[in-house]
PDB file of N, CA and C in Angstrom:
ATOM      1  N   MET A   1       0.841  -1.171   0.000  1.00  0.00           N
ATOM      2  CA  MET A   1       0.000   0.000   0.000  1.00  0.00           C
ATOM      3  C   MET A   1       0.887   1.235   0.000  1.00  0.00           C
ATOM      4  N   GLU A   2       0.411   2.271  -0.546  1.00  0.00           N
ATOM      5  CA  GLU A   2       1.202   3.487  -0.605  1.00  0.00           C
ATOM      6  C   GLU A   2       1.074   4.275   0.689  1.00  0.00           C
ATOM      7  N   ARG A   3       2.155   4.861   1.074  1.00  0.00           N
ATOM      8  CA  ARG A   3       2.183   5.756   2.230  1.00  0.00           C
ATOM      9  C   ARG A   3       2.711   7.077   1.712  1.00  0.00           C
ATOM     10  N   HIS A   4       1.922   8.115   1.809  1.00  0.00           N
ATOM     11  CA  HIS A   4       2.299   9.429   1.291  1.00  0.00           C
ATOM     12  C   HIS A   4       2.594   9.364  -0.205  1.00  0.00           C
ATOM     13  N   GLY A   5       1.846   8.510  -0.919  1.00  0.00           N
ATOM     14  CA  GLY A   5       1.999   8.420  -2.362  1.00  0.00           C
ATOM     15  C   GLY A   5       3.200   7.626  -2.828  1.00  0.00           C
ATOM     16  N   ILE A   6       3.919   6.993  -1.915  1.00  0.00           N
ATOM     17  CA  ILE A   6       5.113   6.229  -2.267  1.00  0.00           C
ATOM     18  C   ILE A   6       4.820   4.740  -2.074  1.00  0.00           C
ATOM     19  N   PRO A   7       4.953   3.915  -3.137  1.00  0.00           N
ATOM     20  CA  PRO A   7       4.744   2.480  -2.962  1.00  0.00           C
ATOM     21  C   PRO A   7       5.756   1.933  -1.961  1.00  0.00           C
ATOM     22  N   ALA A   8       5.345   0.915  -1.236  1.00  0.00           N
ATOM     23  CA  ALA A   8       6.225   0.375  -0.204  1.00  0.00           C
ATOM     24  C   ALA A   8       6.149  -1.144  -0.152  1.00  0.00           C
ATOM     25  N   VAL A   9       7.240  -1.739   0.235  1.00  0.00           N
ATOM     26  CA  VAL A   9       7.334  -3.175   0.464  1.00  0.00           C
ATOM     27  C   VAL A   9       8.147  -3.369   1.735  1.00  0.00           C
ATOM     28  N   ILE A  10       7.694  -4.266   2.575  1.00  0.00           N
ATOM     29  CA  ILE A  10       8.474  -4.634   3.755  1.00  0.00           C
ATOM     30  C   ILE A  10       9.184  -5.937   3.425  1.00  0.00           C
ATOM     31  N   ILE A  11      10.462  -6.008   3.727  1.00  0.00           N
ATOM     32  CA  ILE A  11      11.240  -7.235   3.553  1.00  0.00           C
ATOM     33  C   ILE A  11      11.570  -7.747   4.940  1.00  0.00           C
ATOM     34  N   ALA A  12      11.195  -9.002   5.207  1.00  0.00           N
ATOM     35  CA  ALA A  12      11.380  -9.573   6.542  1.00  0.00           C
ATOM     36  C   ALA A  12      11.604 -11.071   6.442  1.00  0.00           C
ATOM     37  N   THR A  13      12.181 -11.630   7.495  1.00  0.00           N
ATOM     38  CA  THR A  13      12.233 -13.083   7.556  1.00  0.00           C
ATOM     39  C   THR A  13      10.883 -13.576   8.042  1.00  0.00           C
ATOM     40  N   ASP A  14      10.598 -14.850   7.780  1.00  0.00           N
ATOM     41  CA  ASP A  14       9.296 -15.411   8.133  1.00  0.00           C
ATOM     42  C   ASP A  14       8.975 -15.274   9.625  1.00  0.00           C
ATOM     43  N   THR A  15       9.998 -15.217  10.448  1.00  0.00           N
ATOM     44  CA  THR A  15       9.810 -15.053  11.885  1.00  0.00           C
ATOM     45  C   THR A  15       9.138 -13.727  12.216  1.00  0.00           C
ATOM     46  N   PHE A  16       9.345 -12.718  11.404  1.00  0.00           N
ATOM     47  CA  PHE A  16       8.868 -11.369  11.712  1.00  0.00           C
ATOM     48  C   PHE A  16       7.718 -10.883  10.840  1.00  0.00           C
ATOM     49  N   VAL A  17       7.126 -11.747  10.028  1.00  0.00           N
ATOM     50  CA  VAL A  17       6.054 -11.319   9.130  1.00  0.00           C
ATOM     51  C   VAL A  17       4.848 -10.787   9.902  1.00  0.00           C
ATOM     52  N   GLN A  18       4.403 -11.500  10.927  1.00  0.00           N
ATOM     53  CA  GLN A  18       3.237 -11.037  11.682  1.00  0.00           C
ATOM     54  C   GLN A  18       3.529  -9.713  12.382  1.00  0.00           C
ATOM     55  N   PHE A  19       4.720  -9.572  12.928  1.00  0.00           N
ATOM     56  CA  PHE A  19       5.110  -8.311  13.562  1.00  0.00           C
ATOM     57  C   PHE A  19       5.120  -7.186  12.529  1.00  0.00           C
ATOM     58  N   ALA A  20       5.673  -7.458  11.353  1.00  0.00           N
ATOM     59  CA  ALA A  20       5.724  -6.450  10.291  1.00  0.00           C
ATOM     60  C   ALA A  20       4.313  -6.026   9.892  1.00  0.00           C
ATOM     61  N   ARG A  21       3.404  -6.980   9.781  1.00  0.00           N
ATOM     62  CA  ARG A  21       2.021  -6.661   9.418  1.00  0.00           C
ATOM     63  C   ARG A  21       1.376  -5.779  10.488  1.00  0.00           C
ATOM     64  N   ARG A  22       1.597  -6.121  11.767  1.00  0.00           N
ATOM     65  CA  ARG A  22       1.025  -5.301  12.847  1.00  0.00           C
ATOM     66  C   ARG A  22       1.600  -3.890  12.818  1.00  0.00           C
ATOM     67  N   MET A  23       2.895  -3.761  12.618  1.00  0.00           N
ATOM     68  CA  MET A  23       3.509  -2.440  12.584  1.00  0.00           C
ATOM     69  C   MET A  23       3.001  -1.630  11.391  1.00  0.00           C
ATOM     70  N   ALA A  24       2.877  -2.262  10.238  1.00  0.00           N
ATOM     71  CA  ALA A  24       2.360  -1.563   9.060  1.00  0.00           C
ATOM     72  C   ALA A  24       0.930  -1.093   9.313  1.00  0.00           C
ATOM     73  N   THR A  25       0.147  -1.918   9.978  1.00  0.00           N
ATOM     74  CA  THR A  25      -1.236  -1.550  10.278  1.00  0.00           C
ATOM     75  C   THR A  25      -1.288  -0.347  11.199  1.00  0.00           C
ATOM     76  N   THR A  26      -0.425  -0.313  12.210  1.00  0.00           N
ATOM     77  CA  THR A  26      -0.433   0.833  13.121  1.00  0.00           C
ATOM     78  C   THR A  26      -0.009   2.117  12.422  1.00  0.00           C
ATOM     79  N   GLN A  27       0.699   1.988  11.305  1.00  0.00           N
ATOM     80  CA  GLN A  27       1.147   3.163  10.548  1.00  0.00           C
ATOM     81  C   GLN A  27       0.205   3.499   9.393  1.00  0.00           C
ATOM     82  N   GLY A  28      -0.955   2.833   9.375  1.00  0.00           N
ATOM     83  CA  GLY A  28      -1.952   3.133   8.358  1.00  0.00           C
ATOM     84  C   GLY A  28      -1.778   2.406   7.044  1.00  0.00           C
ATOM     85  N   CYS A  29      -0.970   1.347   7.031  1.00  0.00           N
ATOM     86  CA  CYS A  29      -0.724   0.577   5.798  1.00  0.00           C
ATOM     87  C   CYS A  29      -0.986  -0.908   6.043  1.00  0.00           C
ATOM     88  N   PRO A  30      -2.235  -1.284   6.344  1.00  0.00           N
ATOM     89  CA  PRO A  30      -2.491  -2.673   6.700  1.00  0.00           C
ATOM     90  C   PRO A  30      -2.273  -3.671   5.571  1.00  0.00           C
ATOM     91  N   TYR A  31      -2.276  -3.204   4.332  1.00  0.00           N
ATOM     92  CA  TYR A  31      -2.150  -4.132   3.208  1.00  0.00           C
ATOM     93  C   TYR A  31      -0.852  -3.952   2.434  1.00  0.00           C
ATOM     94  N   VAL A  32       0.166  -3.436   3.098  1.00  0.00           N
ATOM     95  CA  VAL A  32       1.463  -3.286   2.449  1.00  0.00           C
ATOM     96  C   VAL A  32       1.970  -4.674   2.037  1.00  0.00           C
ATOM     97  N   ALA A  33       2.661  -4.726   0.918  1.00  0.00           N
ATOM     98  CA  ALA A  33       3.239  -5.987   0.473  1.00  0.00           C
ATOM     99  C   ALA A  33       4.402  -6.359   1.390  1.00  0.00           C
ATOM    100  N   ILE A  34       4.481  -7.637   1.735  1.00  0.00           N
ATOM    101  CA  ILE A  34       5.592  -8.127   2.553  1.00  0.00           C
ATOM    102  C   ILE A  34       6.279  -9.246   1.788  1.00  0.00           C
ATOM    103  N   ALA A  35       7.544  -9.048   1.501  1.00  0.00           N
ATOM    104  CA  ALA A  35       8.366 -10.082   0.877  1.00  0.00           C
ATOM    105  C   ALA A  35       9.123 -10.761   2.008  1.00  0.00           C
ATOM    106  N   ASP A  36       8.903 -12.067   2.150  1.00  0.00           N
ATOM    107  CA  ASP A  36       9.560 -12.749   3.260  1.00  0.00           C
ATOM    108  C   ASP A  36      10.450 -13.878   2.767  1.00  0.00           C
ATOM    109  N   THR A  37      11.385 -14.223   3.624  1.00  0.00           N
ATOM    110  CA  THR A  37      12.340 -15.290   3.357  1.00  0.00           C
ATOM    111  C   THR A  37      12.537 -16.068   4.647  1.00  0.00           C
ATOM    112  N   PRO A  38      12.902 -17.334   4.554  1.00  0.00           N
ATOM    113  CA  PRO A  38      13.104 -18.112   5.778  1.00  0.00           C
ATOM    114  C   PRO A  38      14.191 -17.506   6.672  1.00  0.00           C
ATOM    115  N   ASN A  39      13.951 -17.625   7.952  1.00  0.00           N
ATOM    116  CA  ASN A  39      14.916 -17.202   8.957  1.00  0.00           C
ATOM    117  C   ASN A  39      15.845 -18.382   9.224  1.00  0.00           C
ATOM    118  N   PRO A  40      17.107 -18.166   9.475  1.00  0.00           N
ATOM    119  CA  PRO A  40      17.857 -16.920   9.534  1.00  0.00           C
ATOM    120  C   PRO A  40      18.508 -16.597   8.197  1.00  0.00           C
ATOM    121  N   VAL A  41      18.942 -15.353   8.063  1.00  0.00           N
ATOM    122  CA  VAL A  41      19.730 -14.955   6.894  1.00  0.00           C
ATOM    123  C   VAL A  41      21.165 -14.658   7.298  1.00  0.00           C
ATOM    124  N   ARG A  42      21.338 -14.432   8.579  1.00  0.00           N
ATOM    125  CA  ARG A  42      22.682 -14.137   9.082  1.00  0.00           C
ATOM    126  C   ARG A  42      23.607 -15.330   8.830  1.00  0.00           C
ATOM    127  N   GLY A  43      24.742 -15.043   8.299  1.00  0.00           N
ATOM    128  CA  GLY A  43      25.739 -16.090   8.076  1.00  0.00           C
ATOM    129  C   GLY A  43      25.608 -16.803   6.743  1.00  0.00           C
ATOM    130  N   LEU A  44      24.608 -16.434   5.930  1.00  0.00           N
ATOM    131  CA  LEU A  44      24.494 -17.076   4.625  1.00  0.00           C
ATOM    132  C   LEU A  44      25.576 -16.544   3.698  1.00  0.00           C
ATOM    133  N   ASP A  45      26.065 -17.404   2.831  1.00  0.00           N
ATOM    134  CA  ASP A  45      27.070 -16.952   1.877  1.00  0.00           C
ATOM    135  C   ASP A  45      26.386 -16.124   0.790  1.00  0.00           C
ATOM    136  N   PRO A  46      27.152 -15.338   0.057  1.00  0.00           N
ATOM    137  CA  PRO A  46      26.564 -14.449  -0.947  1.00  0.00           C
ATOM    138  C   PRO A  46      25.669 -15.165  -1.966  1.00  0.00           C
ATOM    139  N   GLU A  47      26.037 -16.350  -2.365  1.00  0.00           N
ATOM    140  CA  GLU A  47      25.225 -17.079  -3.354  1.00  0.00           C
ATOM    141  C   GLU A  47      23.872 -17.480  -2.764  1.00  0.00           C
ATOM    142  N   ALA A  48      23.855 -17.900  -1.513  1.00  0.00           N
ATOM    143  CA  ALA A  48      22.597 -18.251  -0.849  1.00  0.00           C
ATOM    144  C   ALA A  48      21.716 -17.015  -0.679  1.00  0.00           C
ATOM    145  N   LEU A  49      22.322 -15.885  -0.326  1.00  0.00           N
ATOM    146  CA  LEU A  49      21.562 -14.643  -0.210  1.00  0.00           C
ATOM    147  C   LEU A  49      20.969 -14.239  -1.554  1.00  0.00           C
ATOM    148  N   LYS A  50      21.746 -14.404  -2.610  1.00  0.00           N
ATOM    149  CA  LYS A  50      21.263 -14.071  -3.945  1.00  0.00           C
ATOM    150  C   LYS A  50      20.037 -14.908  -4.292  1.00  0.00           C
ATOM    151  N   ARG A  51      20.059 -16.193  -3.979  1.00  0.00           N
ATOM    152  CA  ARG A  51      18.906 -17.057  -4.246  1.00  0.00           C
ATOM    153  C   ARG A  51      17.689 -16.600  -3.453  1.00  0.00           C
ATOM    154  N   ARG A  52      17.908 -16.185  -2.213  1.00  0.00           N
ATOM    155  CA  ARG A  52      16.798 -15.685  -1.385  1.00  0.00           C
ATOM    156  C   ARG A  52      16.188 -14.432  -1.985  1.00  0.00           C
ATOM    157  N   VAL A  53      17.047 -13.506  -2.405  1.00  0.00           N
ATOM    158  CA  VAL A  53      16.562 -12.253  -3.012  1.00  0.00           C
ATOM    159  C   VAL A  53      15.792 -12.554  -4.293  1.00  0.00           C
ATOM    160  N   GLU A  54      16.331 -13.422  -5.120  1.00  0.00           N
ATOM    161  CA  GLU A  54      15.645 -13.782  -6.359  1.00  0.00           C
ATOM    162  C   GLU A  54      14.272 -14.381  -6.084  1.00  0.00           C
ATOM    163  N   ALA A  55      14.150 -15.169  -5.026  1.00  0.00           N
ATOM    164  CA  ALA A  55      12.860 -15.758  -4.668  1.00  0.00           C
ATOM    165  C   ALA A  55      11.860 -14.699  -4.190  1.00  0.00           C
ATOM    166  N   MET A  56      12.356 -13.618  -3.603  1.00  0.00           N
ATOM    167  CA  MET A  56      11.474 -12.554  -3.108  1.00  0.00           C
ATOM    168  C   MET A  56      11.115 -11.534  -4.185  1.00  0.00           C
ATOM    169  N   MET A  57      11.809 -11.520  -5.296  1.00  0.00           N
ATOM    170  CA  MET A  57      11.600 -10.485  -6.312  1.00  0.00           C
ATOM    171  C   MET A  57      10.150 -10.367  -6.795  1.00  0.00           C
ATOM    172  N   PRO A  58       9.418 -11.453  -7.037  1.00  0.00           N
ATOM    173  CA  PRO A  58       8.023 -11.274  -7.468  1.00  0.00           C
ATOM    174  C   PRO A  58       7.188 -10.497  -6.443  1.00  0.00           C
ATOM    175  N   ALA A  59       7.380 -10.760  -5.163  1.00  0.00           N
ATOM    176  CA  ALA A  59       6.635 -10.033  -4.127  1.00  0.00           C
ATOM    177  C   ALA A  59       7.073  -8.572  -4.069  1.00  0.00           C
ATOM    178  N   ILE A  60       8.347  -8.311  -4.250  1.00  0.00           N
ATOM    179  CA  ILE A  60       8.855  -6.938  -4.221  1.00  0.00           C
ATOM    180  C   ILE A  60       8.299  -6.154  -5.409  1.00  0.00           C
ATOM    181  N   VAL A  61       8.365  -6.726  -6.594  1.00  0.00           N
ATOM    182  CA  VAL A  61       7.860  -6.051  -7.794  1.00  0.00           C
ATOM    183  C   VAL A  61       6.349  -5.825  -7.667  1.00  0.00           C
ATOM    184  N   ALA A  62       5.621  -6.829  -7.186  1.00  0.00           N
ATOM    185  CA  ALA A  62       4.172  -6.679  -7.015  1.00  0.00           C
ATOM    186  C   ALA A  62       3.866  -5.538  -6.046  1.00  0.00           C
ATOM    187  N   GLY A  63       4.591  -5.477  -4.940  1.00  0.00           N
ATOM    188  CA  GLY A  63       4.355  -4.430  -3.957  1.00  0.00           C
ATOM    189  C   GLY A  63       4.630  -3.038  -4.479  1.00  0.00           C
ATOM    190  N   LEU A  64       5.532  -2.943  -5.429  1.00  0.00           N
ATOM    191  CA  LEU A  64       5.882  -1.632  -5.978  1.00  0.00           C
ATOM    192  C   LEU A  64       5.064  -1.251  -7.207  1.00  0.00           C
ATOM    193  N   THR A  65       4.351  -2.218  -7.801  1.00  0.00           N
ATOM    194  CA  THR A  65       3.666  -1.920  -9.055  1.00  0.00           C
ATOM    195  C   THR A  65       2.162  -2.175  -9.055  1.00  0.00           C
ATOM    196  N   LEU A  66       1.667  -3.060  -8.209  1.00  0.00           N
ATOM    197  CA  LEU A  66       0.234  -3.372  -8.234  1.00  0.00           C
ATOM    198  C   LEU A  66      -0.592  -2.252  -7.608  1.00  0.00           C
ATOM    199  N   PRO A  67      -1.829  -2.101  -8.060  1.00  0.00           N
ATOM    200  CA  PRO A  67      -2.703  -1.108  -7.445  1.00  0.00           C
ATOM    201  C   PRO A  67      -3.044  -1.521  -6.008  1.00  0.00           C
ATOM    202  N   PRO A  68      -3.281  -0.538  -5.145  1.00  0.00           N
ATOM    203  CA  PRO A  68      -3.587  -0.838  -3.740  1.00  0.00           C
ATOM    204  C   PRO A  68      -4.732  -1.827  -3.558  1.00  0.00           C
ATOM    205  N   ALA A  69      -5.757  -1.763  -4.389  1.00  0.00           N
ATOM    206  CA  ALA A  69      -6.895  -2.681  -4.246  1.00  0.00           C
ATOM    207  C   ALA A  69      -6.461  -4.131  -4.461  1.00  0.00           C
ATOM    208  N   GLU A  70      -5.544  -4.367  -5.379  1.00  0.00           N
ATOM    209  CA  GLU A  70      -5.055  -5.735  -5.615  1.00  0.00           C
ATOM    210  C   GLU A  70      -4.188  -6.214  -4.453  1.00  0.00           C
ATOM    211  N   LEU A  71      -3.367  -5.326  -3.905  1.00  0.00           N
ATOM    212  CA  LEU A  71      -2.565  -5.695  -2.737  1.00  0.00           C
ATOM    213  C   LEU A  71      -3.475  -6.055  -1.566  1.00  0.00           C
ATOM    214  N   GLU A  72      -4.538  -5.276  -1.386  1.00  0.00           N
ATOM    215  CA  GLU A  72      -5.492  -5.555  -0.310  1.00  0.00           C
ATOM    216  C   GLU A  72      -6.151  -6.910  -0.535  1.00  0.00           C
ATOM    217  N   ARG A  73      -6.590  -7.192  -1.761  1.00  0.00           N
ATOM    218  CA  ARG A  73      -7.227  -8.469  -2.069  1.00  0.00           C
ATOM    219  C   ARG A  73      -6.289  -9.640  -1.769  1.00  0.00           C
ATOM    220  N   ARG A  74      -5.046  -9.506  -2.190  1.00  0.00           N
ATOM    221  CA  ARG A  74      -4.071 -10.577  -1.962  1.00  0.00           C
ATOM    222  C   ARG A  74      -3.782 -10.776  -0.475  1.00  0.00           C
ATOM    223  N   ALA A  75      -3.681  -9.681   0.264  1.00  0.00           N
ATOM    224  CA  ALA A  75      -3.414  -9.789   1.704  1.00  0.00           C
ATOM    225  C   ALA A  75      -4.581 -10.463   2.415  1.00  0.00           C
ATOM    226  N   LYS A  76      -5.793 -10.107   2.047  1.00  0.00           N
ATOM    227  CA  LYS A  76      -6.970 -10.733   2.663  1.00  0.00           C
ATOM    228  C   LYS A  76      -7.049 -12.206   2.310  1.00  0.00           C
ATOM    229  N   GLU A  77      -6.727 -12.532   1.071  1.00  0.00           N
ATOM    230  CA  GLU A  77      -6.742 -13.929   0.637  1.00  0.00           C
ATOM    231  C   GLU A  77      -5.705 -14.746   1.414  1.00  0.00           C
ATOM    232  N   ALA A  78      -4.527 -14.174   1.600  1.00  0.00           N
ATOM    233  CA  ALA A  78      -3.467 -14.869   2.334  1.00  0.00           C
ATOM    234  C   ALA A  78      -3.832 -15.058   3.799  1.00  0.00           C
ATOM    235  N   ALA A  79      -4.635 -14.136   4.341  1.00  0.00           N
ATOM    236  CA  ALA A  79      -5.004 -14.208   5.760  1.00  0.00           C
ATOM    237  C   ALA A  79      -6.141 -15.183   6.025  1.00  0.00           C
ATOM    238  N   THR A  80      -6.838 -15.605   4.985  1.00  0.00           N
ATOM    239  CA  THR A  80      -7.955 -16.534   5.162  1.00  0.00           C
ATOM    240  C   THR A  80      -7.459 -17.815   5.827  1.00  0.00           C
ATOM    241  N   GLY A  81      -8.114 -18.156   6.898  1.00  0.00           N
ATOM    242  CA  GLY A  81      -7.750 -19.371   7.622  1.00  0.00           C
ATOM    243  C   GLY A  81      -6.648 -19.191   8.641  1.00  0.00           C
ATOM    244  N   GLN A  82      -6.054 -18.014   8.701  1.00  0.00           N
ATOM    245  CA  GLN A  82      -5.011 -17.755   9.695  1.00  0.00           C
ATOM    246  C   GLN A  82      -5.666 -17.468  11.038  1.00  0.00           C
ATOM    247  N   PRO A  83      -5.091 -17.945  12.126  1.00  0.00           N
ATOM    248  CA  PRO A  83      -5.671 -17.636  13.428  1.00  0.00           C
ATOM    249  C   PRO A  83      -5.569 -16.146  13.740  1.00  0.00           C
ATOM    250  N   ALA A  84      -6.563 -15.664  14.462  1.00  0.00           N
ATOM    251  CA  ALA A  84      -6.545 -14.255  14.873  1.00  0.00           C
ATOM    252  C   ALA A  84      -5.434 -14.044  15.885  1.00  0.00           C
ATOM    253  N   PRO A  85      -4.803 -12.860  15.898  1.00  0.00           N
ATOM    254  CA  PRO A  85      -3.746 -12.606  16.874  1.00  0.00           C
ATOM    255  C   PRO A  85      -4.300 -12.638  18.290  1.00  0.00           C
ATOM    256  N   VAL A  86      -3.495 -13.101  19.204  1.00  0.00           N
ATOM    257  CA  VAL A  86      -3.880 -13.173  20.609  1.00  0.00           C
ATOM    258  C   VAL A  86      -3.350 -11.931  21.304  1.00  0.00           C
ATOM    259  N   ARG A  87      -4.189 -11.281  22.054  1.00  0.00           N
ATOM    260  CA  ARG A  87      -3.795 -10.090  22.797  1.00  0.00           C
ATOM    261  C   ARG A  87      -3.667 -10.457  24.262  1.00  0.00           C
ATOM    262  N   ALA A  88      -2.619  -9.992  24.886  1.00  0.00           N
ATOM    263  CA  ALA A  88      -2.433 -10.227  26.318  1.00  0.00           C
ATOM    264  C   ALA A  88      -3.380  -9.326  27.109  1.00  0.00           C
ATOM    265  N   SER A  89      -3.921  -9.852  28.189  1.00  0.00           N
ATOM    266  CA  SER A  89      -4.832  -9.039  28.993  1.00  0.00           C
ATOM    267  C   SER A  89      -4.065  -8.059  29.879  1.00  0.00           C
ATOM    268  N   LEU A  90      -2.804  -8.336  30.110  1.00  0.00           N
ATOM    269  CA  LEU A  90      -1.952  -7.462  30.888  1.00  0.00           C
ATOM    270  C   LEU A  90      -0.774  -7.028  30.028  1.00  0.00           C
ATOM    271  N   PRO A  91      -0.303  -5.805  30.207  1.00  0.00           N
ATOM    272  CA  PRO A  91       0.871  -5.382  29.435  1.00  0.00           C
ATOM    273  C   PRO A  91       2.067  -6.292  29.715  1.00  0.00           C
ATOM    274  N   VAL A  92       2.815  -6.526  28.676  1.00  0.00           N
ATOM    275  CA  VAL A  92       3.982  -7.412  28.809  1.00  0.00           C
ATOM    276  C   VAL A  92       5.216  -6.577  29.008  1.00  0.00           C
TER     277      VAL A  92
END
């Protein structure tokens, strides 16, 4: 989703996708495209990193070029069947 007219994509490891989605939502971009890769990336050799980036490229290009309505549709489709986030009753 665009923020201030600028297309945006969040790049994260799979461990942080839900956190990234929550943060984007708090900033008014609930349907921002998220390109994710398996965790960890630290310590990967350059060739392995290149393969990871190449695998994320379709999500990155989509996030930068698709209309916001399509990004929203895709995000909602991906969320179908996902459990709702659990909120703590006391601050952590």
